[in-house]
Amino acid sequence: MVVLQPDRFLSELTSMYERSTEKGSVWVTMKRSPLKGKAQLQKMEKKGQEIEYRCLVRASDGKKSISTSLSLKEYLKFQASYATVLKAHMHALKKRERKDRKKAAEAEKVPENPPKKQKKASSKKSSGSKS
């Protein structure tokens, strides 16, 4: 996996979306990460140092994987740019088929299978011996 600077990551992500317009998918994941090993984290906690968490962003189209790491200061600028990229490439999505409201209302009023009547449970007394 290639770790890129945020601007370069966005340009590569744009090219991934363009390659997959006709056929294919692009997966993007974001997660919080300290980008340090467990041993280093435990030492920092013992010393009382503050742990700086970063946002790890990964993207893959099945053939190529890219990633970037963002600090808190970079995150807001990145999120605005990322939203612009997503809006520009949302045209390839399929529109959802919606039912006509009248047909949906009629379907709710008339149930397909009427509820079956339940038989009353007969109460049979058990014949037992009294002691």
Protein backbone atom coordinates (compact mmCIF):
# COMPACT_ATOMS: atom_id res chain seq x y z
CA MET A 1 0.00 0.00 0.00
CA VAL A 2 1.34 3.38 -1.00
CA VAL A 3 1.25 6.17 1.63
CA LEU A 4 0.74 9.55 -0.05
CA GLN A 5 0.43 13.19 0.94
CA PRO A 6 -3.23 14.32 1.27
CA ASP A 7 -3.29 16.35 -1.98
CA ARG A 8 -1.67 13.56 -3.99
CA PHE A 9 -4.09 11.08 -2.37
CA LEU A 10 -7.09 13.10 -3.57
CA SER A 11 -5.77 13.27 -7.13
CA GLU A 12 -5.15 9.49 -7.16
CA LEU A 13 -8.62 8.93 -5.70
CA THR A 14 -10.10 11.05 -8.49
CA SER A 15 -8.33 8.94 -11.10
CA MET A 16 -9.61 5.76 -9.39
CA TYR A 17 -13.17 7.05 -9.60
CA GLU A 18 -12.72 7.95 -13.28
CA ARG A 19 -11.36 4.48 -14.10
CA SER A 20 -14.30 2.80 -12.39
CA THR A 21 -17.17 4.85 -13.88
CA GLU A 22 -18.26 2.20 -16.36
CA LYS A 23 -17.57 -0.87 -14.28
CA GLY A 24 -16.10 -1.40 -10.85
CA SER A 25 -16.11 -0.02 -7.34
CA VAL A 26 -13.90 2.09 -5.11
CA TRP A 27 -13.75 1.41 -1.38
CA VAL A 28 -12.70 4.17 0.99
CA THR A 29 -12.15 3.59 4.72
CA MET A 30 -11.24 6.00 7.50
CA LYS A 31 -10.10 5.09 10.99
CA ARG A 32 -8.38 6.59 13.98
CA SER A 33 -4.82 5.43 14.41
CA PRO A 34 -1.88 6.44 16.62
CA LEU A 35 0.58 5.12 13.96
CA LYS A 36 2.85 3.79 16.68
CA GLY A 37 3.45 0.29 18.00
CA LYS A 38 1.86 -1.00 21.20
CA ALA A 39 5.19 -0.91 23.05
CA GLN A 40 5.72 2.77 22.20
CA LEU A 41 2.15 3.60 23.23
CA GLN A 42 2.58 1.91 26.62
CA LYS A 43 5.84 3.81 27.24
CA MET A 44 4.15 7.09 26.34
CA GLU A 45 1.25 6.35 28.71
CA LYS A 46 3.64 5.53 31.57
CA LYS A 47 5.54 8.78 31.03
CA GLY A 48 2.28 10.71 30.92
CA GLN A 49 2.80 11.97 27.39
CA GLU A 50 -0.24 12.80 25.33
CA ILE A 51 -0.87 10.41 22.44
CA GLU A 52 -1.62 12.15 19.15
CA TYR A 53 -4.11 10.18 17.13
CA ARG A 54 -4.23 10.58 13.38
CA CYS A 55 -6.84 9.70 10.78
CA LEU A 56 -5.76 6.92 8.44
CA VAL A 57 -7.61 7.05 5.09
CA ARG A 58 -7.38 4.13 2.69
CA ALA A 59 -8.78 3.67 -0.80
CA SER A 60 -8.79 0.66 -3.08
CA ASP A 61 -10.33 -0.27 -6.40
CA GLY A 62 -9.35 -3.93 -6.16
CA LYS A 63 -6.20 -3.46 -8.23
CA LYS A 64 -4.49 -0.54 -6.56
CA SER A 65 -4.47 0.57 -2.92
CA ILE A 66 -3.48 4.01 -1.63
CA SER A 67 -3.53 5.61 1.80
CA THR A 68 -2.78 8.82 3.64
CA SER A 69 -2.44 9.91 7.25
CA LEU A 70 -4.00 13.14 8.49
CA SER A 71 -3.45 15.20 11.60
CA LEU A 72 -6.31 17.03 13.27
CA LYS A 73 -5.30 20.30 11.59
CA GLU A 74 -5.19 18.74 8.10
CA TYR A 75 -8.43 16.82 8.56
CA LEU A 76 -10.89 19.71 8.07
CA LYS A 77 -9.23 20.88 4.85
CA PHE A 78 -9.05 17.29 3.60
CA GLN A 79 -12.71 16.62 4.41
CA ALA A 80 -13.84 19.63 2.35
CA SER A 81 -11.72 18.54 -0.63
CA TYR A 82 -12.86 14.93 -0.25
CA ALA A 83 -16.52 16.02 -0.29
CA THR A 84 -15.89 17.90 -3.55
CA VAL A 85 -14.37 14.78 -5.13
CA LEU A 86 -17.31 12.64 -4.01
CA LYS A 87 -19.90 15.09 -5.33
CA ALA A 88 -18.13 15.23 -8.69
CA HIS A 89 -18.26 11.44 -9.09
CA MET A 90 -21.72 10.60 -7.76
CA HIS A 91 -23.21 10.62 -11.26
CA ALA A 92 -22.39 6.93 -11.77
CA LEU A 93 -24.80 5.81 -9.05
CA LYS A 94 -28.04 4.13 -10.01
CA LYS A 95 -31.22 5.92 -8.99
CA ARG A 96 -33.51 4.12 -6.62
CA GLU A 97 -36.82 2.94 -8.04
CA ARG A 98 -39.67 4.48 -6.10
CA LYS A 99 -43.18 3.11 -5.90
CA ASP A 100 -46.14 5.28 -6.73
CA ARG A 101 -47.60 6.70 -3.51
CA LYS A 102 -51.18 5.71 -4.42
CA LYS A 103 -50.20 2.13 -5.11
CA ALA A 104 -48.23 1.95 -1.87
CA ALA A 105 -51.20 3.32 0.12
CA GLU A 106 -53.57 0.78 -1.44
CA ALA A 107 -51.18 -2.05 -0.73
CA GLU A 108 -51.09 -1.09 2.95
CA LYS A 109 -54.90 -0.99 3.25
CA VAL A 110 -55.58 -4.37 1.67
CA PRO A 111 -53.48 -7.15 3.21
CA GLU A 112 -52.49 -9.92 0.84
CA ASN A 113 -53.39 -12.80 3.15
CA PRO A 114 -56.22 -12.20 5.63
CA PRO A 115 -55.36 -13.30 9.16
CA LYS A 116 -56.57 -16.79 10.05
CA LYS A 117 -59.01 -17.25 12.89
CA GLN A 118 -57.51 -18.92 15.87
CA LYS A 119 -59.28 -21.87 17.41
CA LYS A 120 -60.17 -21.58 21.05
CA ALA A 121 -58.20 -23.90 23.21
CA SER A 122 -60.52 -26.37 24.86
CA SER A 123 -59.98 -26.75 28.54
CA LYS A 124 -60.01 -30.43 29.39
CA LYS A 125 -59.95 -31.40 32.99
CA SER A 126 -57.49 -34.03 33.82
CA SER A 127 -58.84 -36.95 35.72
CA GLY A 128 -56.43 -37.69 38.45
CA SER A 129 -56.71 -39.41 41.78
CA LYS A 130 -57.07 -37.31 44.86
CA SER A 131 -54.97 -38.18 47.82
